């Protein structure tokens, strides 16, 4: 939890104890009642807006109550933020548009929420009043999933395929690179499958979406894996088992085709003269 502002208070010694004020006369009680009345008047304004003078009276009464609550000390003094990690403090302050000392009951919570949710890293947000003087802002940030490459440009995407950032991506260079126009939409599903076999996932460098139907995966070391359109998870498990039994990746292998459910087609590399050592081998 982070405070944007901190209310300054001083403790004065030697002062006589304050006289106890009855509950119904305390400032917070009065202002809370005013808040309830303001809320009621906001609701009333919806159906009275078309009634001319009546709607105007409601509007005047509402702002009179807000002004009175401010004089009683119900003003914005603190902003507490929960859930912020990637979003900058400056961006949040700009989005919430809060002036310290403004009447807290006048603050439009819904408008503030909408402005905050436009920020690149924010997936969802809520804005609440904590009477008498604090605004609580809770944010749920997007989680980086992969780097999307299209037309030579890179973007950082989340599990929903939403673009988070397009610049300053160096710190995310260890993420999987996915390629293709529809790759963001299907990237989360692919990652879920690849992560079922951690020993293989650690070798994956990038994945290319083919014809909007399936994936080709590139491993570190230059090995290409052709995955099937359906049964991708089973094919990935089969590859892990083949590697465990036969040590495929330690051989001079350039391509592994898993598109046939009952076999693995292996294409090896070339010798020094460029001659193919073995065009295709079935396992």
C-alpha atoms as a PDB file:
ATOM      1  CA  UNK A   1       0.000   0.000   0.000  1.00  0.00           C
ATOM      2  CA  UNK A   2       1.349   3.403  -0.924  1.00  0.00           C
ATOM      3  CA  UNK A   3       0.388   6.896   0.240  1.00  0.00           C
ATOM      4  CA  UNK A   4       0.587   9.724  -2.282  1.00  0.00           C
ATOM      5  CA  UNK A   5       0.165  12.325   0.450  1.00  0.00           C
ATOM      6  CA  UNK A   6       0.485  12.181   4.187  1.00  0.00           C
ATOM      7  CA  UNK A   7      -1.607  14.311   6.443  1.00  0.00           C
ATOM      8  CA  UNK A   8       0.506  16.367   8.849  1.00  0.00           C
ATOM      9  CA  UNK A   9      -0.555  16.440  12.500  1.00  0.00           C
ATOM     10  CA  UNK A  10       1.088  17.800  15.593  1.00  0.00           C
ATOM     11  CA  UNK A  11       0.641  16.648  19.174  1.00  0.00           C
ATOM     12  CA  UNK A  12       0.224  19.515  21.628  1.00  0.00           C
ATOM     13  CA  UNK A  13       0.996  18.805  25.231  1.00  0.00           C
ATOM     14  CA  UNK A  14      -0.396  20.635  28.224  1.00  0.00           C
ATOM     15  CA  UNK A  15      -3.736  21.303  26.540  1.00  0.00           C
ATOM     16  CA  UNK A  16      -6.955  20.618  28.473  1.00  0.00           C
ATOM     17  CA  UNK A  17      -8.857  17.502  27.432  1.00  0.00           C
ATOM     18  CA  UNK A  18     -11.546  18.186  24.869  1.00  0.00           C
ATOM     19  CA  UNK A  19     -15.109  18.099  26.042  1.00  0.00           C
ATOM     20  CA  UNK A  20     -16.950  14.984  24.893  1.00  0.00           C
ATOM     21  CA  UNK A  21     -19.402  15.834  22.137  1.00  0.00           C
ATOM     22  CA  UNK A  22     -22.593  13.808  21.808  1.00  0.00           C
ATOM     23  CA  UNK A  23     -22.553  11.372  18.904  1.00  0.00           C
ATOM     24  CA  UNK A  24     -25.253  13.205  17.001  1.00  0.00           C
ATOM     25  CA  UNK A  25     -23.277  16.456  17.170  1.00  0.00           C
ATOM     26  CA  UNK A  26     -19.856  15.128  16.109  1.00  0.00           C
ATOM     27  CA  UNK A  27     -18.524  16.407  12.774  1.00  0.00           C
ATOM     28  CA  UNK A  28     -18.053  12.989  11.246  1.00  0.00           C
ATOM     29  CA  UNK A  29     -21.617  12.048  12.088  1.00  0.00           C
ATOM     30  CA  UNK A  30     -22.987  15.208  10.516  1.00  0.00           C
ATOM     31  CA  UNK A  31     -20.872  14.822   7.390  1.00  0.00           C
ATOM     32  CA  UNK A  32     -21.743  11.152   7.063  1.00  0.00           C
ATOM     33  CA  UNK A  33     -25.402  12.090   7.115  1.00  0.00           C
ATOM     34  CA  UNK A  34     -24.603  14.715   4.515  1.00  0.00           C
ATOM     35  CA  UNK A  35     -22.898  12.054   2.386  1.00  0.00           C
ATOM     36  CA  UNK A  36     -26.007   9.891   2.506  1.00  0.00           C
ATOM     37  CA  UNK A  37     -28.146  12.845   1.532  1.00  0.00           C
ATOM     38  CA  UNK A  38     -25.798  13.733  -1.327  1.00  0.00           C
ATOM     39  CA  UNK A  39     -25.984  10.144  -2.592  1.00  0.00           C
ATOM     40  CA  UNK A  40     -29.764  10.285  -2.464  1.00  0.00           C
ATOM     41  CA  UNK A  41     -29.790  13.570  -4.314  1.00  0.00           C
ATOM     42  CA  UNK A  42     -27.479  12.171  -6.978  1.00  0.00           C
ATOM     43  CA  UNK A  43     -29.992   9.390  -7.538  1.00  0.00           C
ATOM     44  CA  UNK A  44     -32.894  11.763  -7.499  1.00  0.00           C
ATOM     45  CA  UNK A  45     -31.160  13.906 -10.079  1.00  0.00           C
ATOM     46  CA  UNK A  46     -31.405  11.093 -12.632  1.00  0.00           C
ATOM     47  CA  UNK A  47     -35.186  11.166 -12.793  1.00  0.00           C
ATOM     48  CA  UNK A  48     -35.648  14.866 -12.013  1.00  0.00           C
ATOM     49  CA  UNK A  49     -33.342  16.173 -14.703  1.00  0.00           C
ATOM     50  CA  UNK A  50     -36.241  16.513 -17.070  1.00  0.00           C
ATOM     51  CA  UNK A  51     -38.426  18.391 -14.570  1.00  0.00           C
ATOM     52  CA  UNK A  52     -36.820  21.814 -15.032  1.00  0.00           C
ATOM     53  CA  UNK A  53     -36.938  23.799 -11.796  1.00  0.00           C
ATOM     54  CA  UNK A  54     -37.180  20.675  -9.622  1.00  0.00           C
ATOM     55  CA  UNK A  55     -33.956  19.280 -11.072  1.00  0.00           C
ATOM     56  CA  UNK A  56     -32.271  22.613 -10.502  1.00  0.00           C
ATOM     57  CA  UNK A  57     -33.316  22.603  -6.844  1.00  0.00           C
ATOM     58  CA  UNK A  58     -31.895  19.115  -6.400  1.00  0.00           C
ATOM     59  CA  UNK A  59     -28.623  20.212  -7.968  1.00  0.00           C
ATOM     60  CA  UNK A  60     -28.361  23.274  -5.721  1.00  0.00           C
ATOM     61  CA  UNK A  61     -29.146  21.239  -2.600  1.00  0.00           C
ATOM     62  CA  UNK A  62     -26.554  18.651  -3.525  1.00  0.00           C
ATOM     63  CA  UNK A  63     -23.747  21.174  -3.913  1.00  0.00           C
ATOM     64  CA  UNK A  64     -24.768  23.008  -0.786  1.00  0.00           C
ATOM     65  CA  UNK A  65     -24.378  19.783   1.197  1.00  0.00           C
ATOM     66  CA  UNK A  66     -21.023  19.086  -0.438  1.00  0.00           C
ATOM     67  CA  UNK A  67     -19.795  22.566   0.438  1.00  0.00           C
ATOM     68  CA  UNK A  68     -20.944  22.143   4.037  1.00  0.00           C
ATOM     69  CA  UNK A  69     -19.163  18.782   4.353  1.00  0.00           C
ATOM     70  CA  UNK A  70     -15.937  20.388   3.154  1.00  0.00           C
ATOM     71  CA  UNK A  71     -16.179  23.053   5.842  1.00  0.00           C
ATOM     72  CA  UNK A  72     -16.552  20.270   8.420  1.00  0.00           C
ATOM     73  CA  UNK A  73     -13.209  18.819   7.344  1.00  0.00           C
ATOM     74  CA  UNK A  74     -14.388  16.176   4.871  1.00  0.00           C
ATOM     75  CA  UNK A  75     -11.718  17.054   2.316  1.00  0.00           C
ATOM     76  CA  UNK A  76      -9.189  14.951   0.423  1.00  0.00           C
ATOM     77  CA  UNK A  77      -5.951  14.721   2.394  1.00  0.00           C
ATOM     78  CA  UNK A  78      -4.597  11.257   1.550  1.00  0.00           C
ATOM     79  CA  UNK A  79      -4.562   8.953  -1.481  1.00  0.00           C
ATOM     80  CA  UNK A  80      -3.768   5.295  -0.771  1.00  0.00           C
ATOM     81  CA  UNK A  81      -2.812   2.998  -3.658  1.00  0.00           C
ATOM     82  CA  UNK A  82      -2.939  -0.802  -3.500  1.00  0.00           C
ATOM     83  CA  UNK A  83      -1.605  -3.139  -6.203  1.00  0.00           C
ATOM     84  CA  UNK A  84       0.745  -0.781  -8.034  1.00  0.00           C
ATOM     85  CA  UNK A  85       3.970  -2.306  -9.342  1.00  0.00           C
ATOM     86  CA  UNK A  86       4.646  -1.244 -12.931  1.00  0.00           C
ATOM     87  CA  UNK A  87       2.395   1.824 -13.168  1.00  0.00           C
ATOM     88  CA  UNK A  88       4.282   4.985 -12.284  1.00  0.00           C
ATOM     89  CA  UNK A  89       3.222   7.291  -9.475  1.00  0.00           C
ATOM     90  CA  UNK A  90       3.148  10.230 -11.910  1.00  0.00           C
ATOM     91  CA  UNK A  91       0.754   8.428 -14.281  1.00  0.00           C
ATOM     92  CA  UNK A  92      -1.602   7.553 -11.430  1.00  0.00           C
ATOM     93  CA  UNK A  93      -1.636  11.087 -10.047  1.00  0.00           C
ATOM     94  CA  UNK A  94      -2.398  12.438 -13.494  1.00  0.00           C
ATOM     95  CA  UNK A  95      -5.247   9.968 -13.927  1.00  0.00           C
ATOM     96  CA  UNK A  96      -6.935  10.455 -10.546  1.00  0.00           C
ATOM     97  CA  UNK A  97      -6.900  14.284 -10.911  1.00  0.00           C
ATOM     98  CA  UNK A  98      -7.161  14.998  -7.211  1.00  0.00           C
ATOM     99  CA  UNK A  99      -6.579  18.341  -5.535  1.00  0.00           C
ATOM    100  CA  UNK A 100      -5.584  18.166  -1.896  1.00  0.00           C
ATOM    101  CA  UNK A 101      -8.164  19.899   0.269  1.00  0.00           C
ATOM    102  CA  UNK A 102     -11.021  19.485  -2.215  1.00  0.00           C
ATOM    103  CA  UNK A 103     -14.384  18.267  -0.807  1.00  0.00           C
ATOM    104  CA  UNK A 104     -14.178  14.493  -0.805  1.00  0.00           C
ATOM    105  CA  UNK A 105     -17.909  14.083  -1.497  1.00  0.00           C
ATOM    106  CA  UNK A 106     -17.537  16.039  -4.750  1.00  0.00           C
ATOM    107  CA  UNK A 107     -15.023  13.579  -6.177  1.00  0.00           C
ATOM    108  CA  UNK A 108     -16.392  11.513  -9.100  1.00  0.00           C
ATOM    109  CA  UNK A 109     -15.285   7.950  -8.301  1.00  0.00           C
ATOM    110  CA  UNK A 110     -16.569   6.359 -11.519  1.00  0.00           C
ATOM    111  CA  UNK A 111     -14.887   8.905 -13.786  1.00  0.00           C
ATOM    112  CA  UNK A 112     -11.625   8.384 -11.879  1.00  0.00           C
ATOM    113  CA  UNK A 113     -11.880   4.603 -12.267  1.00  0.00           C
ATOM    114  CA  UNK A 114     -12.359   4.924 -16.017  1.00  0.00           C
ATOM    115  CA  UNK A 115      -9.332   7.212 -16.353  1.00  0.00           C
ATOM    116  CA  UNK A 116      -7.129   4.843 -14.338  1.00  0.00           C
ATOM    117  CA  UNK A 117      -8.189   1.801 -16.377  1.00  0.00           C
ATOM    118  CA  UNK A 118      -6.990   3.519 -19.560  1.00  0.00           C
ATOM    119  CA  UNK A 119      -3.391   3.362 -18.283  1.00  0.00           C
ATOM    120  CA  UNK A 120      -1.337   0.722 -20.166  1.00  0.00           C
ATOM    121  CA  UNK A 121      -0.460  -1.482 -17.191  1.00  0.00           C
ATOM    122  CA  UNK A 122      -3.877  -1.349 -15.483  1.00  0.00           C
ATOM    123  CA  UNK A 123      -6.241  -4.250 -16.158  1.00  0.00           C
ATOM    124  CA  UNK A 124      -8.896  -3.217 -13.622  1.00  0.00           C
ATOM    125  CA  UNK A 125      -9.286  -0.594 -10.922  1.00  0.00           C
ATOM    126  CA  UNK A 126     -11.623   0.510  -8.142  1.00  0.00           C
ATOM    127  CA  UNK A 127     -11.799   3.905  -6.436  1.00  0.00           C
ATOM    128  CA  UNK A 128     -13.417   4.353  -3.018  1.00  0.00           C
ATOM    129  CA  UNK A 129     -13.882   7.020  -0.359  1.00  0.00           C
ATOM    130  CA  UNK A 130     -12.571   6.282   3.116  1.00  0.00           C
ATOM    131  CA  UNK A 131     -14.264   9.016   5.105  1.00  0.00           C
ATOM    132  CA  UNK A 132     -13.427  11.496   6.329  1.00  0.00           C
ATOM    133  CA  UNK A 133     -10.377  12.347   4.187  1.00  0.00           C
ATOM    134  CA  UNK A 134      -8.904   9.458   2.165  1.00  0.00           C
ATOM    135  CA  UNK A 135      -9.334   8.114  -1.360  1.00  0.00           C
ATOM    136  CA  UNK A 136      -8.452   4.423  -1.774  1.00  0.00           C
ATOM    137  CA  UNK A 137      -7.290   3.375  -5.237  1.00  0.00           C
ATOM    138  CA  UNK A 138      -6.945  -0.373  -5.892  1.00  0.00           C
ATOM    139  CA  UNK A 139      -5.408  -1.525  -9.165  1.00  0.00           C
ATOM    140  CA  UNK A 140      -4.942  -4.930 -10.775  1.00  0.00           C
ATOM    141  CA  UNK A 141      -2.060  -4.742 -13.210  1.00  0.00           C
ATOM    142  CA  UNK A 142      -1.514  -6.734 -16.382  1.00  0.00           C
ATOM    143  CA  UNK A 143       1.020  -9.563 -16.259  1.00  0.00           C
ATOM    144  CA  UNK A 144       3.544  -9.700 -19.136  1.00  0.00           C
ATOM    145  CA  UNK A 145       3.250 -12.922 -21.116  1.00  0.00           C
ATOM    146  CA  UNK A 146       5.280 -12.670 -24.315  1.00  0.00           C
ATOM    147  CA  UNK A 147       6.798 -10.390 -26.915  1.00  0.00           C
ATOM    148  CA  UNK A 148       4.736 -10.172 -30.085  1.00  0.00           C
ATOM    149  CA  UNK A 149       6.594  -9.621 -33.339  1.00  0.00           C
ATOM    150  CA  UNK A 150       4.661  -8.455 -36.380  1.00  0.00           C
ATOM    151  CA  UNK A 151       5.948  -6.542 -39.414  1.00  0.00           C
ATOM    152  CA  UNK A 152       9.335  -6.273 -37.742  1.00  0.00           C
ATOM    153  CA  UNK A 153       7.940  -4.491 -34.673  1.00  0.00           C
ATOM    154  CA  UNK A 154       7.875  -5.852 -31.110  1.00  0.00           C
ATOM    155  CA  UNK A 155       5.163  -5.332 -28.487  1.00  0.00           C
ATOM    156  CA  UNK A 156       4.717  -6.621 -24.940  1.00  0.00           C
ATOM    157  CA  UNK A 157       1.415  -8.500 -24.515  1.00  0.00           C
ATOM    158  CA  UNK A 158      -0.496 -10.017 -21.583  1.00  0.00           C
ATOM    159  CA  UNK A 159      -2.539 -13.234 -21.329  1.00  0.00           C
ATOM    160  CA  UNK A 160      -5.521 -11.556 -22.970  1.00  0.00           C
ATOM    161  CA  UNK A 161      -3.415 -10.611 -25.990  1.00  0.00           C
ATOM    162  CA  UNK A 162      -3.623  -6.930 -25.051  1.00  0.00           C
ATOM    163  CA  UNK A 163      -0.616  -4.806 -25.998  1.00  0.00           C
ATOM    164  CA  UNK A 164       0.936  -3.261 -22.878  1.00  0.00           C
ATOM    165  CA  UNK A 165       4.009  -1.517 -24.262  1.00  0.00           C
ATOM    166  CA  UNK A 166       5.768  -0.963 -27.573  1.00  0.00           C
ATOM    167  CA  UNK A 167       8.885   0.815 -26.328  1.00  0.00           C
ATOM    168  CA  UNK A 168      11.657   0.166 -23.788  1.00  0.00           C
ATOM    169  CA  UNK A 169      11.226  -3.615 -23.979  1.00  0.00           C
ATOM    170  CA  UNK A 170      14.819  -4.586 -23.155  1.00  0.00           C
ATOM    171  CA  UNK A 171      13.979  -5.805 -19.648  1.00  0.00           C
ATOM    172  CA  UNK A 172      11.470  -8.292 -21.113  1.00  0.00           C
ATOM    173  CA  UNK A 173      13.923  -9.840 -23.575  1.00  0.00           C
ATOM    174  CA  UNK A 174      13.803 -13.202 -21.771  1.00  0.00           C
ATOM    175  CA  UNK A 175      10.121 -13.692 -22.638  1.00  0.00           C
ATOM    176  CA  UNK A 176       8.967 -15.944 -25.457  1.00  0.00           C
ATOM    177  CA  UNK A 177       8.659 -14.240 -28.856  1.00  0.00           C
ATOM    178  CA  UNK A 178       5.449 -15.053 -30.762  1.00  0.00           C
ATOM    179  CA  UNK A 179       5.077 -14.203 -34.441  1.00  0.00           C
ATOM    180  CA  UNK A 180       1.954 -13.781 -36.556  1.00  0.00           C
ATOM    181  CA  UNK A 181      -1.067 -11.526 -36.904  1.00  0.00           C
ATOM    182  CA  UNK A 182      -3.274 -13.660 -34.639  1.00  0.00           C
ATOM    183  CA  UNK A 183      -0.472 -14.816 -32.327  1.00  0.00           C
ATOM    184  CA  UNK A 184      -1.523 -12.648 -29.309  1.00  0.00           C
ATOM    185  CA  UNK A 185      -4.974 -14.250 -29.223  1.00  0.00           C
ATOM    186  CA  UNK A 186      -3.523 -17.769 -28.980  1.00  0.00           C
ATOM    187  CA  UNK A 187      -0.254 -17.146 -27.133  1.00  0.00           C
ATOM    188  CA  UNK A 188      -1.591 -17.913 -23.644  1.00  0.00           C
ATOM    189  CA  UNK A 189      -2.910 -21.308 -24.757  1.00  0.00           C
ATOM    190  CA  UNK A 190       0.427 -22.178 -26.330  1.00  0.00           C
ATOM    191  CA  UNK A 191       2.371 -21.127 -23.224  1.00  0.00           C
ATOM    192  CA  UNK A 192       0.133 -23.266 -21.032  1.00  0.00           C
ATOM    193  CA  UNK A 193       1.001 -26.293 -23.168  1.00  0.00           C
ATOM    194  CA  UNK A 194       4.733 -25.572 -23.408  1.00  0.00           C
ATOM    195  CA  UNK A 195       5.055 -25.142 -19.643  1.00  0.00           C
ATOM    196  CA  UNK A 196       3.753 -28.659 -19.017  1.00  0.00           C
ATOM    197  CA  UNK A 197       7.226 -29.880 -20.019  1.00  0.00           C
ATOM    198  CA  UNK A 198       9.675 -27.569 -18.225  1.00  0.00           C
ATOM    199  CA  UNK A 199      12.772 -29.305 -19.630  1.00  0.00           C
ATOM    200  CA  UNK A 200      11.593 -28.429 -23.139  1.00  0.00           C
ATOM    201  CA  UNK A 201      10.173 -25.024 -22.248  1.00  0.00           C
ATOM    202  CA  UNK A 202      13.623 -23.896 -21.113  1.00  0.00           C
ATOM    203  CA  UNK A 203      14.866 -24.470 -24.670  1.00  0.00           C
ATOM    204  CA  UNK A 204      12.077 -22.579 -26.474  1.00  0.00           C
ATOM    205  CA  UNK A 205      13.110 -19.308 -28.101  1.00  0.00           C
ATOM    206  CA  UNK A 206      10.146 -18.325 -30.282  1.00  0.00           C
ATOM    207  CA  UNK A 207       6.916 -19.570 -31.836  1.00  0.00           C
ATOM    208  CA  UNK A 208       5.434 -18.751 -35.234  1.00  0.00           C
ATOM    209  CA  UNK A 209       1.715 -18.940 -35.932  1.00  0.00           C
ATOM    210  CA  UNK A 210       1.147 -20.833 -39.211  1.00  0.00           C
ATOM    211  CA  UNK A 211      -1.910 -20.035 -41.356  1.00  0.00           C
ATOM    212  CA  UNK A 212      -3.906 -19.116 -38.251  1.00  0.00           C
ATOM    213  CA  UNK A 213      -4.201 -22.816 -37.379  1.00  0.00           C
ATOM    214  CA  UNK A 214      -1.102 -24.155 -35.618  1.00  0.00           C
ATOM    215  CA  UNK A 215       2.390 -23.321 -34.297  1.00  0.00           C
ATOM    216  CA  UNK A 216       5.983 -23.873 -35.340  1.00  0.00           C
ATOM    217  CA  UNK A 217       8.297 -23.616 -32.332  1.00  0.00           C
ATOM    218  CA  UNK A 218      11.987 -22.685 -32.551  1.00  0.00           C
ATOM    219  CA  UNK A 219      14.379 -24.047 -29.922  1.00  0.00           C
ATOM    220  CA  UNK A 220      17.702 -22.594 -28.889  1.00  0.00           C
ATOM    221  CA  UNK A 221      20.329 -24.169 -31.109  1.00  0.00           C
ATOM    222  CA  UNK A 222      18.315 -23.808 -34.281  1.00  0.00           C
ATOM    223  CA  UNK A 223      15.932 -26.775 -34.031  1.00  0.00           C
ATOM    224  CA  UNK A 224      12.452 -26.244 -35.498  1.00  0.00           C
ATOM    225  CA  UNK A 225       9.412 -28.106 -34.096  1.00  0.00           C
ATOM    226  CA  UNK A 226       6.281 -28.426 -36.196  1.00  0.00           C
ATOM    227  CA  UNK A 227       3.290 -28.833 -33.897  1.00  0.00           C
ATOM    228  CA  UNK A 228      -0.086 -30.187 -35.070  1.00  0.00           C
ATOM    229  CA  UNK A 229      -3.287 -28.170 -35.337  1.00  0.00           C
ATOM    230  CA  UNK A 230      -5.042 -30.401 -32.800  1.00  0.00           C
ATOM    231  CA  UNK A 231      -3.639 -32.541 -30.030  1.00  0.00           C
ATOM    232  CA  UNK A 232      -0.842 -30.052 -29.422  1.00  0.00           C
ATOM    233  CA  UNK A 233      -0.446 -30.986 -25.771  1.00  0.00           C
ATOM    234  CA  UNK A 234      -0.134 -34.698 -26.549  1.00  0.00           C
ATOM    235  CA  UNK A 235       2.425 -33.974 -29.284  1.00  0.00           C
ATOM    236  CA  UNK A 236       4.513 -31.848 -26.925  1.00  0.00           C
ATOM    237  CA  UNK A 237       4.473 -34.642 -24.331  1.00  0.00           C
ATOM    238  CA  UNK A 238       5.497 -37.131 -27.014  1.00  0.00           C
ATOM    239  CA  UNK A 239       8.456 -34.951 -27.935  1.00  0.00           C
ATOM    240  CA  UNK A 240       9.571 -34.812 -24.302  1.00  0.00           C
ATOM    241  CA  UNK A 241       9.441 -38.595 -24.120  1.00  0.00           C
ATOM    242  CA  UNK A 242      11.410 -38.981 -27.391  1.00  0.00           C
ATOM    243  CA  UNK A 243      14.078 -36.613 -26.120  1.00  0.00           C
ATOM    244  CA  UNK A 244      14.330 -38.477 -22.817  1.00  0.00           C
ATOM    245  CA  UNK A 245      14.725 -41.852 -24.563  1.00  0.00           C
ATOM    246  CA  UNK A 246      16.784 -40.970 -27.635  1.00  0.00           C
ATOM    247  CA  UNK A 247      18.551 -37.673 -26.817  1.00  0.00           C
ATOM    248  CA  UNK A 248      17.374 -36.108 -30.059  1.00  0.00           C
ATOM    249  CA  UNK A 249      18.632 -32.620 -29.298  1.00  0.00           C
ATOM    250  CA  UNK A 250      22.218 -33.843 -28.894  1.00  0.00           C
ATOM    251  CA  UNK A 251      22.235 -35.041 -32.496  1.00  0.00           C
ATOM    252  CA  UNK A 252      22.595 -32.987 -35.658  1.00  0.00           C
ATOM    253  CA  UNK A 253      18.834 -32.377 -35.880  1.00  0.00           C
ATOM    254  CA  UNK A 254      17.334 -29.381 -37.630  1.00  0.00           C
ATOM    255  CA  UNK A 255      13.613 -30.195 -37.809  1.00  0.00           C
ATOM    256  CA  UNK A 256      11.183 -32.365 -35.829  1.00  0.00           C
ATOM    257  CA  UNK A 257       7.728 -32.817 -37.351  1.00  0.00           C
ATOM    258  CA  UNK A 258       5.006 -33.854 -34.882  1.00  0.00           C
ATOM    259  CA  UNK A 259       1.985 -33.290 -37.102  1.00  0.00           C
ATOM    260  CA  UNK A 260       1.318 -37.024 -37.529  1.00  0.00           C
ATOM    261  CA  UNK A 261      -0.100 -38.470 -34.296  1.00  0.00           C
ATOM    262  CA  UNK A 262       1.648 -41.858 -34.461  1.00  0.00           C
ATOM    263  CA  UNK A 263       5.163 -40.905 -35.560  1.00  0.00           C
ATOM    264  CA  UNK A 264       7.935 -38.328 -35.384  1.00  0.00           C
ATOM    265  CA  UNK A 265       9.677 -37.212 -38.559  1.00  0.00           C
ATOM    266  CA  UNK A 266      13.259 -36.080 -38.022  1.00  0.00           C
ATOM    267  CA  UNK A 267      15.255 -34.031 -40.509  1.00  0.00           C
ATOM    268  CA  UNK A 268      18.969 -33.813 -39.864  1.00  0.00           C
ATOM    269  CA  UNK A 269      21.470 -31.151 -40.855  1.00  0.00           C
ATOM    270  CA  UNK A 270      24.180 -31.153 -43.528  1.00  0.00           C
ATOM    271  CA  UNK A 271      27.842 -32.065 -43.581  1.00  0.00           C
ATOM    272  CA  UNK A 272      30.730 -29.703 -44.360  1.00  0.00           C
ATOM    273  CA  UNK A 273      30.071 -29.990 -48.106  1.00  0.00           C
ATOM    274  CA  UNK A 274      26.396 -29.085 -47.656  1.00  0.00           C
ATOM    275  CA  UNK A 275      25.179 -32.595 -48.363  1.00  0.00           C
ATOM    276  CA  UNK A 276      22.120 -33.718 -46.381  1.00  0.00           C
ATOM    277  CA  UNK A 277      23.094 -36.486 -43.985  1.00  0.00           C
ATOM    278  CA  UNK A 278      19.598 -37.946 -43.797  1.00  0.00           C
ATOM    279  CA  UNK A 279      16.659 -36.341 -45.619  1.00  0.00           C
ATOM    280  CA  UNK A 280      13.965 -37.616 -43.287  1.00  0.00           C
ATOM    281  CA  UNK A 281      13.844 -40.305 -40.633  1.00  0.00           C
ATOM    282  CA  UNK A 282      10.717 -41.617 -38.933  1.00  0.00           C
ATOM    283  CA  UNK A 283      10.732 -42.622 -35.288  1.00  0.00           C
END
